[in-house]
């Protein structure tokens, strides 16, 4: 039933052209996994331009997380836990995002967008730590852009079968996730070795 309401809402926003696509992605309760492949199908039908859809989607995908960012900044963790469910964010996701942020700092605004467990809630610790909002938006946009382009392209390629985009997207992105995780692991090891050397030099 909820999916039907979301679909009706997205179809309604289609009437506002590219602004409607952007607006749809500003709402955290509207899954990008639905909007972007569907927009790709609209490109397939000739209703929209692929590149303009990607830009609109990336802008909307950057504005949307600002809701959780400011919820964390102004209300702190207790408010996020209390109201996060309305943005489809669970306490488990918030806890995972907190740990991820503690390990990797501001870079999580970029890297976190590629990781399934933390990508939705990663905006929360960024807000709580009062990370510079311009930096947050830039990191988020750079991360969201290729994800948006891929989702729209898959929807375009599948045409009327755009609803099958989810599994195909995971197939493409899992190697990227493994590369990011490996890169982070190497970075952590590098930092540990560097800190140990600094401690030895100071002795």
Protein backbone atom coordinates (compact mmCIF):
# COMPACT_ATOMS: atom_id res chain seq x y z
CA UNK A 1 0.00 0.00 0.00
CA UNK A 2 2.83 2.40 0.92
CA UNK A 3 4.56 1.67 -2.39
CA UNK A 4 1.38 2.57 -4.26
CA UNK A 5 1.22 5.95 -2.48
CA UNK A 6 4.88 6.64 -3.24
CA UNK A 7 4.40 5.74 -6.90
CA UNK A 8 1.36 7.99 -7.14
CA UNK A 9 3.35 10.80 -5.50
CA UNK A 10 6.26 10.39 -7.91
CA UNK A 11 3.92 10.26 -10.92
CA UNK A 12 2.32 13.49 -9.66
CA UNK A 13 5.74 15.16 -9.41
CA UNK A 14 6.51 14.10 -12.98
CA UNK A 15 4.14 16.88 -14.03
CA UNK A 16 6.69 19.40 -12.72
CA UNK A 17 9.32 18.10 -15.16
CA UNK A 18 12.96 18.11 -13.95
CA UNK A 19 12.06 20.15 -10.89
CA UNK A 20 9.64 17.37 -9.93
CA UNK A 21 12.40 14.75 -10.16
CA UNK A 22 14.64 16.92 -8.01
CA UNK A 23 11.83 17.49 -5.52
CA UNK A 24 11.03 13.77 -5.27
CA UNK A 25 14.60 13.07 -4.19
CA UNK A 26 14.47 15.80 -1.56
CA UNK A 27 12.14 13.60 0.50
CA UNK A 28 14.04 10.93 2.39
CA UNK A 29 10.96 8.69 2.57
CA UNK A 30 10.88 8.44 -1.25
CA UNK A 31 13.47 5.78 -2.25
CA UNK A 32 15.95 6.90 -4.88
CA UNK A 33 15.99 3.23 -5.94
CA UNK A 34 12.45 3.80 -7.25
CA UNK A 35 12.63 7.37 -8.56
CA UNK A 36 15.85 7.15 -10.58
CA UNK A 37 15.17 3.97 -12.59
CA UNK A 38 11.64 5.22 -13.21
CA UNK A 39 13.08 8.52 -14.45
CA UNK A 40 15.36 6.44 -16.69
CA UNK A 41 12.24 4.80 -18.11
CA UNK A 42 10.80 8.26 -18.78
CA UNK A 43 14.00 9.05 -20.70
CA UNK A 44 13.47 5.81 -22.64
CA UNK A 45 9.96 7.00 -23.52
CA UNK A 46 11.37 10.30 -24.76
CA UNK A 47 9.79 12.47 -22.07
CA UNK A 48 13.09 13.65 -20.57
CA UNK A 49 16.74 14.25 -21.40
CA UNK A 50 19.16 11.81 -19.73
CA UNK A 51 21.76 14.37 -18.66
CA UNK A 52 19.22 16.83 -17.27
CA UNK A 53 17.58 14.00 -15.30
CA UNK A 54 20.97 13.05 -13.82
CA UNK A 55 21.67 16.66 -12.79
CA UNK A 56 18.19 17.07 -11.28
CA UNK A 57 18.53 13.75 -9.47
CA UNK A 58 21.98 14.57 -8.09
CA UNK A 59 20.84 17.99 -6.85
CA UNK A 60 17.77 16.47 -5.19
CA UNK A 61 19.91 13.67 -3.75
CA UNK A 62 22.16 16.33 -2.19
CA UNK A 63 19.34 18.45 -0.76
CA UNK A 64 17.53 15.46 0.76
CA UNK A 65 20.29 14.44 3.21
CA UNK A 66 20.40 18.00 4.56
CA UNK A 67 17.22 17.17 6.50
CA UNK A 68 19.04 14.56 8.56
CA UNK A 69 22.16 16.74 8.70
CA UNK A 70 20.27 19.61 10.36
CA UNK A 71 18.25 17.23 12.53
CA UNK A 72 21.56 16.01 13.91
CA UNK A 73 23.04 19.51 14.15
CA UNK A 74 20.10 21.17 15.90
CA UNK A 75 18.59 18.29 17.85
CA UNK A 76 21.51 15.98 18.49
CA UNK A 77 21.43 12.20 18.62
CA UNK A 78 18.35 11.88 20.91
CA UNK A 79 16.15 13.79 18.45
CA UNK A 80 17.46 11.77 15.51
CA UNK A 81 16.70 8.51 17.29
CA UNK A 82 13.22 9.79 18.17
CA UNK A 83 12.28 11.12 14.74
CA UNK A 84 14.61 9.15 12.46
CA UNK A 85 11.94 6.52 11.82
CA UNK A 86 9.97 9.11 9.86
CA UNK A 87 12.92 9.33 7.48
CA UNK A 88 13.28 5.53 7.29
CA UNK A 89 16.41 5.63 9.45
CA UNK A 90 16.78 3.03 12.21
CA UNK A 91 18.83 3.22 15.40
CA UNK A 92 21.03 0.43 14.01
CA UNK A 93 21.88 2.58 10.99
CA UNK A 94 22.60 5.59 13.21
CA UNK A 95 24.93 3.52 15.44
CA UNK A 96 26.77 2.16 12.39
CA UNK A 97 27.10 5.67 10.95
CA UNK A 98 28.49 7.00 14.25
CA UNK A 99 31.17 4.31 14.33
CA UNK A 100 32.01 4.92 10.68
CA UNK A 101 32.32 8.66 11.27
CA UNK A 102 34.54 8.16 14.34
CA UNK A 103 36.93 6.08 12.25
CA UNK A 104 37.10 8.08 9.04
CA UNK A 105 36.10 11.67 9.85
CA UNK A 106 34.69 14.11 7.30
CA UNK A 107 35.42 11.81 4.35
CA UNK A 108 32.41 9.72 5.32
CA UNK A 109 30.15 12.29 3.64
CA UNK A 110 31.62 10.90 0.41
CA UNK A 111 32.56 7.27 1.09
CA UNK A 112 29.50 6.52 3.23
CA UNK A 113 27.18 7.04 0.25
CA UNK A 114 28.50 3.85 -1.35
CA UNK A 115 27.97 1.59 1.67
CA UNK A 116 24.50 0.01 2.11
CA UNK A 117 24.25 0.07 5.92
CA UNK A 118 25.36 3.66 6.55
CA UNK A 119 24.58 5.60 3.36
CA UNK A 120 21.16 6.85 4.52
CA UNK A 121 22.11 7.78 8.08
CA UNK A 122 25.64 9.07 7.42
CA UNK A 123 24.29 12.64 7.35
CA UNK A 124 23.45 12.38 11.06
CA UNK A 125 26.98 12.29 12.56
CA UNK A 126 28.05 14.92 10.03
CA UNK A 127 25.38 17.24 11.46
CA UNK A 128 26.07 16.36 15.09
CA UNK A 129 29.78 17.15 14.60
CA UNK A 130 28.77 20.43 12.90
CA UNK A 131 30.74 19.60 9.79
CA UNK A 132 30.91 22.57 7.40
CA UNK A 133 27.66 22.42 5.41
CA UNK A 134 29.30 23.51 2.13
CA UNK A 135 31.88 20.74 2.42
CA UNK A 136 29.10 18.29 3.31
CA UNK A 137 27.11 19.27 0.21
CA UNK A 138 30.13 19.09 -2.10
CA UNK A 139 31.16 15.63 -0.85
CA UNK A 140 27.57 14.41 -1.04
CA UNK A 141 27.03 15.73 -4.58
CA UNK A 142 30.28 14.20 -5.88
CA UNK A 143 29.28 10.82 -4.43
CA UNK A 144 25.64 11.02 -5.50
CA UNK A 145 26.35 12.01 -9.12
CA UNK A 146 27.77 8.68 -10.40
CA UNK A 147 25.19 6.69 -8.40
CA UNK A 148 22.40 8.76 -9.95
CA UNK A 149 23.85 8.44 -13.46
CA UNK A 150 24.08 4.65 -13.12
CA UNK A 151 20.56 4.21 -11.76
CA UNK A 152 19.03 6.39 -14.49
CA UNK A 153 21.06 4.61 -17.16
CA UNK A 154 19.95 1.18 -15.95
CA UNK A 155 16.32 2.32 -15.93
CA UNK A 156 16.77 3.69 -19.46
CA UNK A 157 18.36 0.45 -20.67
CA UNK A 158 15.69 -1.78 -19.10
CA UNK A 159 12.84 0.33 -20.48
CA UNK A 160 9.51 -1.14 -19.39
CA UNK A 161 11.36 -3.51 -17.04
CA UNK A 162 12.86 -0.62 -15.04
CA UNK A 163 11.66 -2.17 -11.76
CA UNK A 164 14.41 -4.79 -12.11
CA UNK A 165 17.06 -2.07 -11.74
CA UNK A 166 17.79 -2.82 -8.05
CA UNK A 167 19.53 -6.21 -8.44
CA UNK A 168 21.44 -5.02 -11.52
CA UNK A 169 22.60 -1.89 -9.68
CA UNK A 170 23.95 -4.01 -6.82
CA UNK A 171 25.79 -6.17 -9.33
CA UNK A 172 27.57 -3.09 -10.70
CA UNK A 173 28.24 -1.39 -7.36
CA UNK A 174 29.46 -4.30 -5.22
CA UNK A 175 32.96 -4.22 -6.80
CA UNK A 176 33.06 -0.48 -6.04
CA UNK A 177 32.07 -1.17 -2.43
CA UNK A 178 34.87 -3.74 -2.11
CA UNK A 179 37.39 -1.25 -3.51
CA UNK A 180 36.25 1.45 -1.05
CA UNK A 181 36.40 -0.92 1.92
CA UNK A 182 39.87 -2.09 0.87
CA UNK A 183 41.00 1.51 0.46
CA UNK A 184 39.73 2.42 3.91
CA UNK A 185 41.44 -0.61 5.43
CA UNK A 186 44.75 0.40 3.83
CA UNK A 187 44.26 3.97 5.08
CA UNK A 188 43.66 2.76 8.65
CA UNK A 189 46.74 0.56 8.58
CA UNK A 190 48.77 3.49 7.22
CA UNK A 191 47.52 5.78 10.02
CA UNK A 192 48.30 3.19 12.70
CA UNK A 193 51.84 2.66 11.41
CA UNK A 194 52.37 6.43 11.09
CA UNK A 195 51.15 7.09 14.66
CA UNK A 196 53.42 4.37 16.04
CA UNK A 197 56.42 5.87 14.27
CA UNK A 198 55.58 9.32 15.64
CA UNK A 199 55.38 7.91 19.16
CA UNK A 200 58.76 6.23 18.77
CA UNK A 201 60.31 9.48 17.45
CA UNK A 202 58.95 11.39 20.46
CA UNK A 203 60.41 8.95 22.96
